[in-house]
């Protein structure tokens, strides 16, 4: 894979997301990371799934920042390349949000998208 392809596959997390992940994981025994995966379904074709996990799979890519770890499997990374994982706390509530440059459409809930 060339340098451009590796850059395109890169996923980042904001400081806000890292702080929230550290806080959540510290309160869950045996959990060490937030797994983000892409699944078929949702109102726009694909949806994001968030899980707290304690193990890393062989095909996982780990994104680490400020003591927080996000795990993304190879297949999901194909759909998430170039994305930024953020944690937003606003009038609509608190949630992890993914800004995905590959998504051509998304839904109002912010967890479903199409490419």
Protein backbone atom coordinates (compact mmCIF):
# COMPACT_ATOMS: atom_id res chain seq x y z
CA UNK A 1 0.00 0.00 0.00
CA UNK A 2 1.45 3.39 -1.01
CA UNK A 3 1.76 6.40 1.28
CA UNK A 4 -1.35 8.04 -0.22
CA UNK A 5 -3.45 4.93 0.36
CA UNK A 6 -2.25 4.66 3.96
CA UNK A 7 -3.11 8.31 4.59
CA UNK A 8 -6.57 7.80 3.07
CA UNK A 9 -7.16 4.85 5.43
CA UNK A 10 -6.18 6.83 8.51
CA UNK A 11 -8.82 7.53 11.14
CA UNK A 12 -8.33 10.14 13.85
CA UNK A 13 -10.05 10.93 17.12
CA UNK A 14 -10.50 14.32 18.72
CA UNK A 15 -9.31 15.21 22.19
CA UNK A 16 -12.95 15.29 23.32
CA UNK A 17 -13.50 11.72 22.09
CA UNK A 18 -10.28 10.52 23.73
CA UNK A 19 -11.26 12.02 27.10
CA UNK A 20 -14.72 10.43 26.96
CA UNK A 21 -13.33 7.01 26.00
CA UNK A 22 -10.85 7.09 28.90
CA UNK A 23 -13.67 8.03 31.28
CA UNK A 24 -16.01 5.29 30.04
CA UNK A 25 -13.37 2.54 29.94
CA UNK A 26 -12.12 3.38 33.44
CA UNK A 27 -15.59 2.62 34.82
CA UNK A 28 -15.96 -0.74 33.04
CA UNK A 29 -14.05 -3.69 34.49
CA UNK A 30 -12.10 -5.65 31.87
CA UNK A 31 -12.74 -3.16 29.08
CA UNK A 32 -9.76 -1.47 27.45
CA UNK A 33 -10.98 0.10 24.20
CA UNK A 34 -13.91 1.38 22.15
CA UNK A 35 -14.56 -0.71 19.04
CA UNK A 36 -16.11 1.13 16.10
CA UNK A 37 -17.42 -0.99 13.26
CA UNK A 38 -19.47 -0.48 10.12
CA UNK A 39 -22.46 -2.75 9.51
CA UNK A 40 -24.96 -3.05 6.71
CA UNK A 41 -28.34 -1.57 7.57
CA UNK A 42 -29.62 1.66 9.02
CA UNK A 43 -31.79 4.14 7.19
CA UNK A 44 -29.00 5.14 4.77
CA UNK A 45 -27.42 1.75 3.97
CA UNK A 46 -24.61 1.45 6.53
CA UNK A 47 -24.49 2.18 10.24
CA UNK A 48 -21.82 2.60 12.89
CA UNK A 49 -21.70 0.29 15.87
CA UNK A 50 -19.91 1.20 19.11
CA UNK A 51 -18.85 -1.45 21.66
CA UNK A 52 -16.60 -1.49 24.70
CA UNK A 53 -14.15 -4.39 24.43
CA UNK A 54 -11.32 -5.93 26.41
CA UNK A 55 -9.51 -7.74 23.59
CA UNK A 56 -7.92 -6.84 20.29
CA UNK A 57 -8.44 -8.97 17.17
CA UNK A 58 -5.69 -9.78 14.66
CA UNK A 59 -7.28 -7.60 11.96
CA UNK A 60 -7.82 -4.57 14.20
CA UNK A 61 -6.22 -1.22 13.58
CA UNK A 62 -5.67 0.67 16.84
CA UNK A 63 -5.99 4.45 17.01
CA UNK A 64 -4.51 5.79 20.24
CA UNK A 65 -4.59 9.27 21.74
CA UNK A 66 -4.16 10.58 25.30
CA UNK A 67 -4.54 7.10 26.83
CA UNK A 68 -7.63 6.20 24.79
CA UNK A 69 -7.78 3.35 22.27
CA UNK A 70 -10.22 2.90 19.40
CA UNK A 71 -10.21 -0.39 17.51
CA UNK A 72 -11.44 -0.68 13.92
CA UNK A 73 -11.38 -3.92 11.92
CA UNK A 74 -9.92 -3.98 8.39
CA UNK A 75 -13.29 -4.25 6.66
CA UNK A 76 -14.80 -1.29 8.53
CA UNK A 77 -11.65 0.76 7.91
CA UNK A 78 -12.35 0.59 4.16
CA UNK A 79 -15.55 2.61 4.75
CA UNK A 80 -14.08 4.88 7.44
CA UNK A 81 -10.78 5.96 5.90
CA UNK A 82 -10.13 9.67 6.49
CA UNK A 83 -12.80 9.91 9.20
CA UNK A 84 -12.60 11.77 12.50
CA UNK A 85 -14.22 10.31 15.62
CA UNK A 86 -15.56 13.03 17.90
CA UNK A 87 -17.57 13.22 21.11
CA UNK A 88 -20.21 15.94 21.12
CA UNK A 89 -22.03 17.29 24.16
CA UNK A 90 -24.68 19.80 23.07
CA UNK A 91 -28.38 20.59 23.42
CA UNK A 92 -29.25 17.46 21.45
CA UNK A 93 -27.41 15.28 23.98
CA UNK A 94 -24.11 13.48 24.26
CA UNK A 95 -22.86 11.15 21.54
CA UNK A 96 -19.89 9.88 19.59
CA UNK A 97 -20.02 11.21 16.05
CA UNK A 98 -18.01 10.24 13.02
CA UNK A 99 -17.19 12.81 10.37
CA UNK A 100 -16.72 10.58 7.34
CA UNK A 101 -15.56 12.17 4.05
CA UNK A 102 -16.63 9.01 2.18
CA UNK A 103 -20.29 9.36 3.13
CA UNK A 104 -22.39 10.85 0.34
CA UNK A 105 -25.57 10.83 2.42
CA UNK A 106 -26.39 10.48 6.08
CA UNK A 107 -29.48 10.43 8.22
CA UNK A 108 -30.66 12.74 10.97
CA UNK A 109 -29.57 10.37 13.74
CA UNK A 110 -25.93 10.66 12.63
CA UNK A 111 -25.22 6.93 12.90
CA UNK A 112 -26.27 5.85 9.41
CA UNK A 113 -24.64 6.74 6.09
CA UNK A 114 -24.20 5.69 2.46
CA UNK A 115 -21.14 5.71 0.20
